[in-house]
Amino acid sequence: MVDPMPWPTELVPDRYPGTIRREMTVEAVAADGRLVFTAVLRDRWYDEAAGAEEEIHGYEVRLVTQPPDLTVVAVEVRPRFLPFPECPAAALAAQRLVGLQLTKGFRAGAVAALGGVEGCTHLLTLVLAASNHQVVTQYLLTRVDDGSHPEGSPDFEQVADTCAGWREGGTALDLVRGRRPFPLPVDYGADPPAR
């Protein structure tokens, strides 16, 4: 990983105009017995007042994984906007992700593959976001779990005490153990209705 550079003590918009925006999306889909993750990262600078915009970094990644432990069986990396001619070579280092399991030890393996001079900080960030998305992707399992899965119901006991939502004694585990459906998500940041 990169050590941070020291920041100037006076950050003023006259000297440092514009906004830096990172846009990242991760999608997962079940396809042909595998779980496929597609991830896109786009960094750009823009200054609305000046009507200016510049692309800084960009990658597209596709990870094909094999259940039950989501072992990476294929990696495709498409470099997009990158600042230096050496940057696209980091896509080659991403092939070292093949064989890693998203469910165990992936972070350390990804850092080893992409965290040094053969890798890329931005590509590593995107790949780790894709691996983290496998937790959210378990929603695919809960949407239609009517007990008719050939392998039986998913074992959600493995996520007990991994976060606030899956803590012991919490709603999620109580619903799973009682074989009751999950509620629809609630927008806790919505503005209250006008009176």
N, C-alpha and C. Protein backbone atom coordinates (compact mmCIF):
# COMPACT_ATOMS: atom_id res chain seq x y z
N MET A 1 0.85 -1.18 0.00
CA MET A 1 0.00 0.00 0.00
C MET A 1 0.89 1.24 0.00
N VAL A 2 0.28 2.34 -0.36
CA VAL A 2 1.02 3.58 -0.51
C VAL A 2 0.97 4.38 0.78
N ASP A 3 2.14 4.88 1.21
CA ASP A 3 2.16 5.78 2.36
C ASP A 3 1.63 7.13 1.90
N PRO A 4 0.81 7.76 2.73
CA PRO A 4 0.23 9.04 2.31
C PRO A 4 1.29 10.14 2.21
N MET A 5 1.11 11.00 1.22
CA MET A 5 1.97 12.17 1.07
C MET A 5 1.51 13.22 2.07
N PRO A 6 2.43 14.08 2.54
CA PRO A 6 1.99 15.15 3.44
C PRO A 6 1.11 16.15 2.68
N TRP A 7 0.07 16.60 3.33
CA TRP A 7 -0.85 17.56 2.73
C TRP A 7 -0.41 18.98 3.02
N PRO A 8 -0.65 19.91 2.09
CA PRO A 8 -0.36 21.32 2.39
C PRO A 8 -1.23 21.77 3.56
N THR A 9 -0.73 22.72 4.31
CA THR A 9 -1.48 23.17 5.49
C THR A 9 -2.60 24.13 5.14
N GLU A 10 -2.53 24.76 3.97
CA GLU A 10 -3.59 25.67 3.57
C GLU A 10 -4.29 25.14 2.32
N LEU A 11 -5.40 24.46 2.54
CA LEU A 11 -6.17 23.94 1.41
C LEU A 11 -7.30 24.92 1.10
N VAL A 12 -7.12 25.65 0.03
CA VAL A 12 -8.13 26.64 -0.36
C VAL A 12 -8.54 26.38 -1.81
N PRO A 13 -9.82 26.58 -2.13
CA PRO A 13 -10.29 26.27 -3.48
C PRO A 13 -9.65 27.11 -4.57
N ASP A 14 -9.15 28.32 -4.24
CA ASP A 14 -8.49 29.13 -5.27
C ASP A 14 -7.26 28.40 -5.82
N ARG A 15 -6.54 27.76 -4.92
CA ARG A 15 -5.31 27.07 -5.32
C ARG A 15 -5.57 25.63 -5.76
N TYR A 16 -6.56 24.99 -5.15
CA TYR A 16 -6.89 23.59 -5.45
C TYR A 16 -8.36 23.49 -5.86
N PRO A 17 -8.69 23.96 -7.07
CA PRO A 17 -10.09 23.99 -7.48
C PRO A 17 -10.62 22.60 -7.87
N GLY A 18 -11.91 22.48 -7.83
CA GLY A 18 -12.55 21.28 -8.33
C GLY A 18 -12.82 20.23 -7.27
N THR A 19 -13.31 19.11 -7.74
CA THR A 19 -13.71 18.00 -6.88
C THR A 19 -13.13 16.72 -7.46
N ILE A 20 -12.66 15.84 -6.58
CA ILE A 20 -12.22 14.51 -6.99
C ILE A 20 -13.34 13.55 -6.60
N ARG A 21 -13.81 12.77 -7.56
CA ARG A 21 -14.90 11.83 -7.28
C ARG A 21 -14.47 10.42 -7.66
N ARG A 22 -14.73 9.49 -6.76
CA ARG A 22 -14.54 8.06 -7.06
C ARG A 22 -15.91 7.43 -7.18
N GLU A 23 -16.14 6.79 -8.30
CA GLU A 23 -17.38 6.04 -8.51
C GLU A 23 -17.00 4.58 -8.64
N MET A 24 -17.67 3.75 -7.86
CA MET A 24 -17.37 2.34 -7.89
C MET A 24 -18.69 1.57 -7.84
N THR A 25 -18.82 0.60 -8.73
CA THR A 25 -19.99 -0.27 -8.70
C THR A 25 -19.51 -1.71 -8.68
N VAL A 26 -20.29 -2.54 -8.00
CA VAL A 26 -20.02 -3.97 -7.97
C VAL A 26 -21.35 -4.68 -8.14
N GLU A 27 -21.40 -5.63 -9.05
CA GLU A 27 -22.60 -6.42 -9.27
C GLU A 27 -22.23 -7.89 -9.18
N ALA A 28 -23.18 -8.71 -8.80
CA ALA A 28 -22.97 -10.15 -8.76
C ALA A 28 -24.19 -10.83 -9.34
N VAL A 29 -23.95 -11.90 -10.08
CA VAL A 29 -25.04 -12.64 -10.70
C VAL A 29 -24.68 -14.13 -10.68
N ALA A 30 -25.68 -14.96 -10.45
CA ALA A 30 -25.49 -16.40 -10.55
C ALA A 30 -25.58 -16.78 -12.03
N ALA A 31 -24.57 -17.51 -12.53
CA ALA A 31 -24.54 -17.89 -13.94
C ALA A 31 -23.85 -19.23 -14.10
N ASP A 32 -24.56 -20.18 -14.66
CA ASP A 32 -23.99 -21.49 -14.97
C ASP A 32 -23.32 -22.14 -13.76
N GLY A 33 -23.97 -22.07 -12.60
CA GLY A 33 -23.45 -22.71 -11.40
C GLY A 33 -22.34 -21.95 -10.71
N ARG A 34 -22.05 -20.76 -11.19
CA ARG A 34 -20.99 -19.93 -10.60
C ARG A 34 -21.55 -18.58 -10.19
N LEU A 35 -20.81 -17.89 -9.33
CA LEU A 35 -21.17 -16.53 -8.95
C LEU A 35 -20.15 -15.61 -9.62
N VAL A 36 -20.66 -14.68 -10.45
CA VAL A 36 -19.79 -13.80 -11.25
C VAL A 36 -19.93 -12.38 -10.73
N PHE A 37 -18.79 -11.79 -10.38
CA PHE A 37 -18.74 -10.42 -9.88
C PHE A 37 -18.17 -9.53 -10.98
N THR A 38 -18.84 -8.42 -11.24
CA THR A 38 -18.36 -7.42 -12.19
C THR A 38 -18.22 -6.11 -11.42
N ALA A 39 -17.05 -5.51 -11.51
CA ALA A 39 -16.78 -4.29 -10.74
C ALA A 39 -16.14 -3.23 -11.63
N VAL A 40 -16.50 -1.98 -11.39
CA VAL A 40 -15.99 -0.86 -12.18
C VAL A 40 -15.56 0.25 -11.22
N LEU A 41 -14.38 0.79 -11.47
CA LEU A 41 -13.87 1.93 -10.70
C LEU A 41 -13.57 3.06 -11.66
N ARG A 42 -13.98 4.25 -11.27
CA ARG A 42 -13.72 5.45 -12.09
C ARG A 42 -13.38 6.60 -11.14
N ASP A 43 -12.17 7.14 -11.27
CA ASP A 43 -11.76 8.33 -10.52
C ASP A 43 -11.68 9.47 -11.53
N ARG A 44 -12.21 10.62 -11.13
CA ARG A 44 -12.11 11.78 -12.02
C ARG A 44 -12.08 13.07 -11.22
N TRP A 45 -11.50 14.07 -11.85
CA TRP A 45 -11.49 15.44 -11.31
C TRP A 45 -12.44 16.25 -12.17
N TYR A 46 -13.23 17.09 -11.52
CA TYR A 46 -14.06 18.00 -12.31
C TYR A 46 -14.22 19.31 -11.56
N ASP A 47 -14.41 20.35 -12.35
CA ASP A 47 -14.64 21.70 -11.83
C ASP A 47 -15.84 22.25 -12.58
N GLU A 48 -16.99 22.21 -11.93
CA GLU A 48 -18.23 22.65 -12.58
C GLU A 48 -18.16 24.11 -12.99
N ALA A 49 -17.55 24.95 -12.15
CA ALA A 49 -17.47 26.38 -12.46
C ALA A 49 -16.69 26.62 -13.75
N ALA A 50 -15.62 25.86 -13.95
CA ALA A 50 -14.79 26.04 -15.15
C ALA A 50 -15.26 25.16 -16.31
N GLY A 51 -16.19 24.26 -16.04
CA GLY A 51 -16.65 23.35 -17.08
C GLY A 51 -15.57 22.37 -17.52
N ALA A 52 -14.70 22.00 -16.59
CA ALA A 52 -13.58 21.12 -16.93
C ALA A 52 -13.71 19.78 -16.21
N GLU A 53 -13.17 18.73 -16.85
CA GLU A 53 -13.22 17.39 -16.28
C GLU A 53 -12.05 16.58 -16.81
N GLU A 54 -11.46 15.75 -15.96
CA GLU A 54 -10.37 14.87 -16.36
C GLU A 54 -10.57 13.49 -15.74
N GLU A 55 -10.37 12.46 -16.54
CA GLU A 55 -10.36 11.10 -16.02
C GLU A 55 -8.99 10.87 -15.38
N ILE A 56 -8.97 10.18 -14.24
CA ILE A 56 -7.71 9.93 -13.54
C ILE A 56 -7.36 8.44 -13.56
N HIS A 57 -8.27 7.62 -13.06
CA HIS A 57 -8.06 6.17 -13.01
C HIS A 57 -9.33 5.46 -13.44
N GLY A 58 -9.18 4.30 -14.00
CA GLY A 58 -10.35 3.49 -14.32
C GLY A 58 -9.98 2.04 -14.58
N TYR A 59 -10.77 1.15 -14.00
CA TYR A 59 -10.61 -0.29 -14.23
C TYR A 59 -11.98 -0.94 -14.29
N GLU A 60 -12.05 -2.03 -15.04
CA GLU A 60 -13.20 -2.91 -15.01
C GLU A 60 -12.67 -4.31 -14.70
N VAL A 61 -13.33 -5.01 -13.78
CA VAL A 61 -12.87 -6.33 -13.35
C VAL A 61 -14.04 -7.30 -13.38
N ARG A 62 -13.77 -8.51 -13.78
CA ARG A 62 -14.75 -9.60 -13.73
C ARG A 62 -14.10 -10.77 -13.02
N LEU A 63 -14.69 -11.18 -11.89
CA LEU A 63 -14.22 -12.34 -11.14
C LEU A 63 -15.27 -13.44 -11.26
N VAL A 64 -14.88 -14.60 -11.75
CA VAL A 64 -15.77 -15.74 -11.82
C VAL A 64 -15.39 -16.67 -10.68
N THR A 65 -16.37 -17.02 -9.83
CA THR A 65 -16.09 -17.83 -8.65
C THR A 65 -16.93 -19.10 -8.65
N GLN A 66 -16.38 -20.11 -8.01
CA GLN A 66 -17.03 -21.41 -7.92
C GLN A 66 -17.45 -21.67 -6.47
N PRO A 67 -18.74 -21.95 -6.24
CA PRO A 67 -19.19 -22.32 -4.90
C PRO A 67 -18.60 -23.68 -4.51
N PRO A 68 -18.56 -24.06 -3.24
CA PRO A 68 -19.23 -23.38 -2.14
C PRO A 68 -18.41 -22.29 -1.47
N ASP A 69 -17.08 -22.27 -1.70
CA ASP A 69 -16.23 -21.30 -1.01
C ASP A 69 -15.86 -20.10 -1.88
N LEU A 70 -16.51 -20.00 -3.04
CA LEU A 70 -16.28 -18.90 -3.99
C LEU A 70 -14.81 -18.78 -4.37
N THR A 71 -14.27 -19.91 -4.83
CA THR A 71 -12.90 -19.93 -5.34
C THR A 71 -12.87 -19.22 -6.69
N VAL A 72 -11.93 -18.30 -6.85
CA VAL A 72 -11.78 -17.57 -8.11
C VAL A 72 -11.25 -18.54 -9.17
N VAL A 73 -12.02 -18.71 -10.24
CA VAL A 73 -11.61 -19.60 -11.32
C VAL A 73 -11.21 -18.83 -12.58
N ALA A 74 -11.58 -17.55 -12.66
CA ALA A 74 -11.18 -16.72 -13.80
C ALA A 74 -11.21 -15.25 -13.39
N VAL A 75 -10.26 -14.51 -13.94
CA VAL A 75 -10.17 -13.06 -13.70
C VAL A 75 -9.97 -12.37 -15.04
N GLU A 76 -10.78 -11.35 -15.28
CA GLU A 76 -10.59 -10.51 -16.46
C GLU A 76 -10.47 -9.07 -15.97
N VAL A 77 -9.44 -8.38 -16.42
CA VAL A 77 -9.24 -6.98 -16.04
C VAL A 77 -9.13 -6.16 -17.31
N ARG A 78 -9.89 -5.09 -17.35
CA ARG A 78 -9.83 -4.16 -18.48
C ARG A 78 -9.37 -2.81 -17.96
N PRO A 79 -8.10 -2.45 -18.18
CA PRO A 79 -7.65 -1.13 -17.78
C PRO A 79 -8.36 -0.07 -18.61
N ARG A 80 -8.74 1.02 -17.97
CA ARG A 80 -9.37 2.12 -18.70
C ARG A 80 -8.45 3.34 -18.63
N PHE A 81 -8.88 4.41 -18.01
CA PHE A 81 -8.05 5.62 -17.94
C PHE A 81 -7.00 5.44 -16.85
N LEU A 82 -5.73 5.52 -17.23
CA LEU A 82 -4.64 5.38 -16.27
C LEU A 82 -3.57 6.40 -16.62
N PRO A 83 -2.86 6.92 -15.61
CA PRO A 83 -1.96 8.04 -15.87
C PRO A 83 -0.61 7.70 -16.50
N PHE A 84 -0.11 6.48 -16.30
CA PHE A 84 1.25 6.17 -16.75
C PHE A 84 1.27 4.91 -17.62
N PRO A 85 2.23 4.80 -18.53
CA PRO A 85 2.25 3.65 -19.43
C PRO A 85 2.48 2.30 -18.73
N GLU A 86 3.06 2.32 -17.53
CA GLU A 86 3.29 1.08 -16.78
C GLU A 86 2.02 0.56 -16.10
N CYS A 87 1.05 1.43 -15.88
CA CYS A 87 -0.14 1.07 -15.10
C CYS A 87 -0.93 -0.12 -15.65
N PRO A 88 -1.18 -0.23 -16.95
CA PRO A 88 -1.99 -1.35 -17.44
C PRO A 88 -1.38 -2.73 -17.15
N ALA A 89 -0.07 -2.80 -16.92
CA ALA A 89 0.58 -4.09 -16.64
C ALA A 89 0.08 -4.71 -15.34
N ALA A 90 -0.51 -3.91 -14.47
CA ALA A 90 -1.05 -4.45 -13.21
C ALA A 90 -2.14 -5.48 -13.48
N ALA A 91 -2.78 -5.40 -14.63
CA ALA A 91 -3.81 -6.38 -14.99
C ALA A 91 -3.23 -7.79 -15.04
N LEU A 92 -1.98 -7.92 -15.41
CA LEU A 92 -1.34 -9.24 -15.45
C LEU A 92 -1.21 -9.82 -14.05
N ALA A 93 -0.86 -8.98 -13.08
CA ALA A 93 -0.70 -9.45 -11.70
C ALA A 93 -2.03 -9.95 -11.13
N ALA A 94 -3.14 -9.46 -11.64
CA ALA A 94 -4.45 -9.88 -11.15
C ALA A 94 -4.72 -11.36 -11.41
N GLN A 95 -4.00 -11.96 -12.35
CA GLN A 95 -4.18 -13.40 -12.61
C GLN A 95 -3.77 -14.23 -11.40
N ARG A 96 -2.98 -13.67 -10.50
CA ARG A 96 -2.59 -14.38 -9.27
C ARG A 96 -3.76 -14.57 -8.31
N LEU A 97 -4.89 -13.93 -8.60
CA LEU A 97 -6.08 -14.10 -7.77
C LEU A 97 -6.76 -15.44 -8.02
N VAL A 98 -6.49 -16.05 -9.17
CA VAL A 98 -7.09 -17.35 -9.49
C VAL A 98 -6.64 -18.37 -8.45
N GLY A 99 -7.62 -19.08 -7.90
CA GLY A 99 -7.35 -20.07 -6.86
C GLY A 99 -7.63 -19.57 -5.46
N LEU A 100 -7.72 -18.25 -5.28
CA LEU A 100 -8.05 -17.71 -3.96
C LEU A 100 -9.54 -17.87 -3.68
N GLN A 101 -9.90 -17.97 -2.40
CA GLN A 101 -11.29 -18.09 -1.99
C GLN A 101 -11.78 -16.75 -1.47
N LEU A 102 -12.91 -16.27 -2.00
CA LEU A 102 -13.46 -15.01 -1.49
C LEU A 102 -13.89 -15.14 -0.04
N THR A 103 -14.25 -16.35 0.39
CA THR A 103 -14.78 -16.55 1.73
C THR A 103 -13.70 -16.73 2.79
N LYS A 104 -12.44 -16.91 2.39
CA LYS A 104 -11.40 -17.13 3.39
C LYS A 104 -10.03 -16.74 2.83
N GLY A 105 -9.39 -15.77 3.46
CA GLY A 105 -8.03 -15.41 3.11
C GLY A 105 -7.85 -14.59 1.85
N PHE A 106 -8.94 -14.13 1.27
CA PHE A 106 -8.83 -13.41 0.00
C PHE A 106 -8.08 -12.09 0.16
N ARG A 107 -8.37 -11.34 1.21
CA ARG A 107 -7.74 -10.03 1.39
C ARG A 107 -6.22 -10.15 1.37
N ALA A 108 -5.67 -11.07 2.15
CA ALA A 108 -4.21 -11.22 2.22
C ALA A 108 -3.64 -11.62 0.86
N GLY A 109 -4.31 -12.53 0.17
CA GLY A 109 -3.85 -12.95 -1.14
C GLY A 109 -3.90 -11.83 -2.17
N ALA A 110 -4.96 -11.04 -2.12
CA ALA A 110 -5.10 -9.92 -3.05
C ALA A 110 -4.04 -8.85 -2.79
N VAL A 111 -3.77 -8.57 -1.52
CA VAL A 111 -2.74 -7.58 -1.19
C VAL A 111 -1.38 -8.08 -1.66
N ALA A 112 -1.11 -9.38 -1.48
CA ALA A 112 0.16 -9.94 -1.94
C ALA A 112 0.28 -9.84 -3.46
N ALA A 113 -0.81 -10.06 -4.17
CA ALA A 113 -0.79 -10.04 -5.64
C ALA A 113 -0.73 -8.63 -6.22
N LEU A 114 -1.46 -7.71 -5.61
CA LEU A 114 -1.65 -6.39 -6.23
C LEU A 114 -1.10 -5.22 -5.42
N GLY A 115 -0.57 -5.48 -4.22
CA GLY A 115 -0.15 -4.39 -3.34
C GLY A 115 1.25 -3.87 -3.58
N GLY A 116 2.02 -4.50 -4.45
CA GLY A 116 3.40 -4.06 -4.68
C GLY A 116 3.59 -3.39 -6.02
N VAL A 117 4.83 -3.35 -6.48
CA VAL A 117 5.16 -2.63 -7.72
C VAL A 117 4.61 -3.29 -8.98
N GLU A 118 4.21 -4.55 -8.90
CA GLU A 118 3.60 -5.19 -10.06
C GLU A 118 2.09 -5.00 -10.09
N GLY A 119 1.52 -4.46 -9.00
CA GLY A 119 0.09 -4.27 -8.91
C GLY A 119 -0.29 -2.81 -9.03
N CYS A 120 -1.45 -2.49 -8.49
CA CYS A 120 -1.98 -1.13 -8.55
C CYS A 120 -2.90 -0.91 -7.37
N THR A 121 -2.73 0.19 -6.67
CA THR A 121 -3.56 0.52 -5.52
C THR A 121 -5.03 0.58 -5.90
N HIS A 122 -5.34 1.14 -7.05
CA HIS A 122 -6.73 1.33 -7.45
C HIS A 122 -7.37 0.01 -7.88
N LEU A 123 -6.60 -0.82 -8.55
CA LEU A 123 -7.10 -2.15 -8.92
C LEU A 123 -7.32 -2.99 -7.67
N LEU A 124 -6.41 -2.90 -6.71
CA LEU A 124 -6.56 -3.62 -5.44
C LEU A 124 -7.82 -3.16 -4.71
N THR A 125 -8.07 -1.86 -4.66
CA THR A 125 -9.27 -1.33 -4.02
C THR A 125 -10.52 -1.92 -4.66
N LEU A 126 -10.53 -1.99 -5.98
CA LEU A 126 -11.69 -2.50 -6.70
C LEU A 126 -11.90 -4.00 -6.46
N VAL A 127 -10.82 -4.77 -6.48
CA VAL A 127 -10.91 -6.21 -6.26
C VAL A 127 -11.40 -6.50 -4.83
N LEU A 128 -10.90 -5.74 -3.86
CA LEU A 128 -11.36 -5.94 -2.47
C LEU A 128 -12.83 -5.57 -2.32
N ALA A 129 -13.28 -4.56 -3.03
CA ALA A 129 -14.70 -4.21 -2.99
C ALA A 129 -15.54 -5.35 -3.56
N ALA A 130 -15.06 -5.97 -4.63
CA ALA A 130 -15.79 -7.11 -5.20
C ALA A 130 -15.84 -8.26 -4.21
N SER A 131 -14.74 -8.52 -3.52
CA SER A 131 -14.74 -9.63 -2.56
C SER A 131 -15.66 -9.33 -1.39
N ASN A 132 -15.70 -8.09 -0.95
CA ASN A 132 -16.61 -7.72 0.15
C ASN A 132 -18.06 -7.85 -0.29
N HIS A 133 -18.31 -7.70 -1.56
CA HIS A 133 -19.68 -7.76 -2.09
C HIS A 133 -20.29 -9.16 -1.95
N GLN A 134 -19.45 -10.17 -1.77
CA GLN A 134 -19.99 -11.52 -1.62
C GLN A 134 -20.87 -11.63 -0.39
N VAL A 135 -20.64 -10.80 0.62
CA VAL A 135 -21.51 -10.80 1.80
C VAL A 135 -22.90 -10.28 1.42
N VAL A 136 -22.95 -9.17 0.70
CA VAL A 136 -24.22 -8.61 0.26
C VAL A 136 -24.93 -9.56 -0.69
N THR A 137 -24.16 -10.27 -1.49
CA THR A 137 -24.72 -11.17 -2.48
C THR A 137 -25.49 -12.32 -1.84
N GLN A 138 -25.26 -12.58 -0.57
CA GLN A 138 -26.05 -13.61 0.11
C GLN A 138 -27.54 -13.26 0.10
N TYR A 139 -27.83 -12.01 -0.21
CA TYR A 139 -29.24 -11.60 -0.36
C TYR A 139 -29.93 -12.45 -1.44
N LEU A 140 -29.16 -12.87 -2.46
CA LEU A 140 -29.73 -13.74 -3.48
C LEU A 140 -30.30 -15.00 -2.85
N LEU A 141 -29.63 -15.48 -1.81
CA LEU A 141 -30.07 -16.70 -1.14
C LEU A 141 -31.33 -16.48 -0.31
N THR A 142 -31.47 -15.30 0.26
CA THR A 142 -32.61 -15.05 1.16
C THR A 142 -33.86 -14.62 0.42
N ARG A 143 -33.72 -14.11 -0.79
CA ARG A 143 -34.89 -13.61 -1.52
C ARG A 143 -35.90 -14.69 -1.84
N VAL A 144 -35.42 -15.90 -2.13
CA VAL A 144 -36.33 -16.94 -2.57
C VAL A 144 -36.19 -18.22 -1.75
N ASP A 145 -35.65 -18.10 -0.54
CA ASP A 145 -35.44 -19.31 0.26
C ASP A 145 -36.77 -19.82 0.79
N ASP A 146 -37.30 -20.81 0.09
CA ASP A 146 -38.55 -21.43 0.52
C ASP A 146 -38.31 -22.86 0.99
N GLY A 147 -37.03 -23.19 1.21
CA GLY A 147 -36.68 -24.53 1.67
C GLY A 147 -36.55 -25.54 0.55
N SER A 148 -36.68 -25.10 -0.71
CA SER A 148 -36.65 -26.04 -1.82
C SER A 148 -35.28 -26.15 -2.48
N HIS A 149 -34.25 -25.53 -1.92
CA HIS A 149 -32.91 -25.64 -2.49
C HIS A 149 -32.47 -27.10 -2.43
N PRO A 150 -31.86 -27.63 -3.51
CA PRO A 150 -31.40 -29.02 -3.50
C PRO A 150 -30.42 -29.29 -2.35
N GLU A 151 -29.62 -28.28 -1.99
CA GLU A 151 -28.65 -28.44 -0.91
C GLU A 151 -29.24 -28.10 0.45
N GLY A 152 -30.52 -27.74 0.50
CA GLY A 152 -31.13 -27.31 1.76
C GLY A 152 -31.00 -25.81 1.92
N SER A 153 -31.48 -25.30 3.01
CA SER A 153 -31.41 -23.85 3.27
C SER A 153 -29.97 -23.42 3.51
N PRO A 154 -29.63 -22.17 3.15
CA PRO A 154 -28.28 -21.67 3.40
C PRO A 154 -27.98 -21.69 4.90
N ASP A 155 -26.72 -21.92 5.24
CA ASP A 155 -26.29 -21.97 6.63
C ASP A 155 -25.83 -20.58 7.07
N PHE A 156 -26.76 -19.81 7.62
CA PHE A 156 -26.43 -18.45 8.05
C PHE A 156 -25.76 -18.42 9.41
N GLU A 157 -25.63 -19.56 10.07
CA GLU A 157 -24.93 -19.61 11.36
C GLU A 157 -23.47 -19.17 11.18
N GLN A 158 -22.93 -19.37 9.99
CA GLN A 158 -21.53 -19.01 9.75
C GLN A 158 -21.29 -17.50 9.81
N VAL A 159 -22.34 -16.69 9.73
CA VAL A 159 -22.16 -15.24 9.80
C VAL A 159 -22.56 -14.67 11.16
N ALA A 160 -22.84 -15.55 12.12
CA ALA A 160 -23.20 -15.07 13.47
C ALA A 160 -22.06 -14.24 14.04
N ASP A 161 -22.42 -13.09 14.59
CA ASP A 161 -21.49 -12.16 15.25
C ASP A 161 -20.44 -11.58 14.31
N THR A 162 -20.76 -11.46 13.01
CA THR A 162 -19.84 -10.82 12.07
C THR A 162 -20.09 -9.33 11.95
N CYS A 163 -21.28 -8.87 12.38
CA CYS A 163 -21.60 -7.45 12.32
C CYS A 163 -22.82 -7.19 13.20
N ALA A 164 -23.23 -5.93 13.28
CA ALA A 164 -24.38 -5.56 14.13
C ALA A 164 -25.65 -6.26 13.68
N GLY A 165 -25.87 -6.38 12.39
CA GLY A 165 -27.09 -6.99 11.88
C GLY A 165 -27.17 -8.49 12.11
N TRP A 166 -26.02 -9.14 12.19
CA TRP A 166 -25.99 -10.60 12.36
C TRP A 166 -25.50 -11.00 13.75
N ARG A 167 -25.66 -10.11 14.73
CA ARG A 167 -25.19 -10.42 16.08
C ARG A 167 -26.10 -11.45 16.76
N GLU A 168 -25.52 -12.19 17.64
CA GLU A 168 -26.27 -13.17 18.42
C GLU A 168 -27.37 -12.45 19.20
N GLY A 169 -28.59 -12.96 19.11
CA GLY A 169 -29.73 -12.32 19.77
C GLY A 169 -30.39 -11.26 18.93
N GLY A 170 -29.85 -11.00 17.73
CA GLY A 170 -30.42 -9.97 16.86
C GLY A 170 -31.53 -10.52 15.98
N THR A 171 -32.16 -9.63 15.26
CA THR A 171 -33.31 -9.98 14.42
C THR A 171 -32.98 -11.00 13.34
N ALA A 172 -31.85 -10.81 12.63
CA ALA A 172 -31.53 -11.69 11.50
C ALA A 172 -31.43 -13.14 11.92
N LEU A 173 -30.64 -13.41 12.94
CA LEU A 173 -30.48 -14.81 13.37
C LEU A 173 -31.78 -15.36 13.95
N ASP A 174 -32.54 -14.52 14.65
CA ASP A 174 -33.85 -14.97 15.16
C ASP A 174 -34.77 -15.38 14.02
N LEU A 175 -34.79 -14.61 12.94
CA LEU A 175 -35.63 -14.94 11.78
C LEU A 175 -35.16 -16.23 11.11
N VAL A 176 -33.84 -16.35 10.93
CA VAL A 176 -33.30 -17.55 10.29
C VAL A 176 -33.62 -18.79 11.11
N ARG A 177 -33.37 -18.70 12.41
CA ARG A 177 -33.59 -19.87 13.27
C ARG A 177 -35.08 -20.22 13.39
N GLY A 178 -35.93 -19.22 13.27
CA GLY A 178 -37.37 -19.46 13.31
C GLY A 178 -37.96 -19.78 11.94
N ARG A 179 -37.09 -19.85 10.92
CA ARG A 179 -37.51 -20.13 9.54
C ARG A 179 -38.59 -19.15 9.07
N ARG A 180 -38.38 -17.87 9.44
CA ARG A 180 -39.29 -16.82 9.01
C ARG A 180 -38.61 -15.96 7.95
N PRO A 181 -39.37 -15.35 7.06
CA PRO A 181 -38.77 -14.54 5.98
C PRO A 181 -38.17 -13.25 6.51
N PHE A 182 -37.19 -12.75 5.77
CA PHE A 182 -36.60 -11.46 6.09
C PHE A 182 -37.55 -10.35 5.67
N PRO A 183 -37.58 -9.26 6.41
CA PRO A 183 -38.40 -8.12 5.99
C PRO A 183 -37.71 -7.39 4.83
N LEU A 184 -38.46 -6.55 4.16
CA LEU A 184 -37.86 -5.69 3.14
C LEU A 184 -36.98 -4.65 3.83
N PRO A 185 -35.87 -4.23 3.21
CA PRO A 185 -35.01 -3.21 3.82
C PRO A 185 -35.75 -1.89 4.05
N VAL A 186 -35.33 -1.19 5.09
CA VAL A 186 -35.92 0.09 5.48
C VAL A 186 -34.90 1.19 5.22
N ASP A 187 -35.34 2.32 4.69
CA ASP A 187 -34.48 3.48 4.47
C ASP A 187 -34.44 4.30 5.75
N TYR A 188 -33.42 4.07 6.56
CA TYR A 188 -33.29 4.77 7.85
C TYR A 188 -32.81 6.21 7.69
N GLY A 189 -32.42 6.59 6.49
CA GLY A 189 -31.96 7.96 6.26
C GLY A 189 -33.00 8.82 5.56
N ALA A 190 -34.18 8.27 5.33
CA ALA A 190 -35.23 9.03 4.63
C ALA A 190 -35.73 10.18 5.50
N ASP A 191 -36.10 11.25 4.83
CA ASP A 191 -36.69 12.38 5.55
C ASP A 191 -38.06 11.96 6.10
N PRO A 192 -38.40 12.43 7.30
CA PRO A 192 -39.72 12.09 7.85
C PRO A 192 -40.81 12.72 7.00
N PRO A 193 -41.98 12.09 6.98
CA PRO A 193 -43.09 12.67 6.18
C PRO A 193 -43.48 14.05 6.70
N ALA A 194 -43.86 14.93 5.78
CA ALA A 194 -44.30 16.28 6.16
C ALA A 194 -45.63 16.18 6.91
N ARG A 195 -45.79 17.08 7.88
CA ARG A 195 -47.03 17.08 8.67
C ARG A 195 -47.91 18.23 8.28
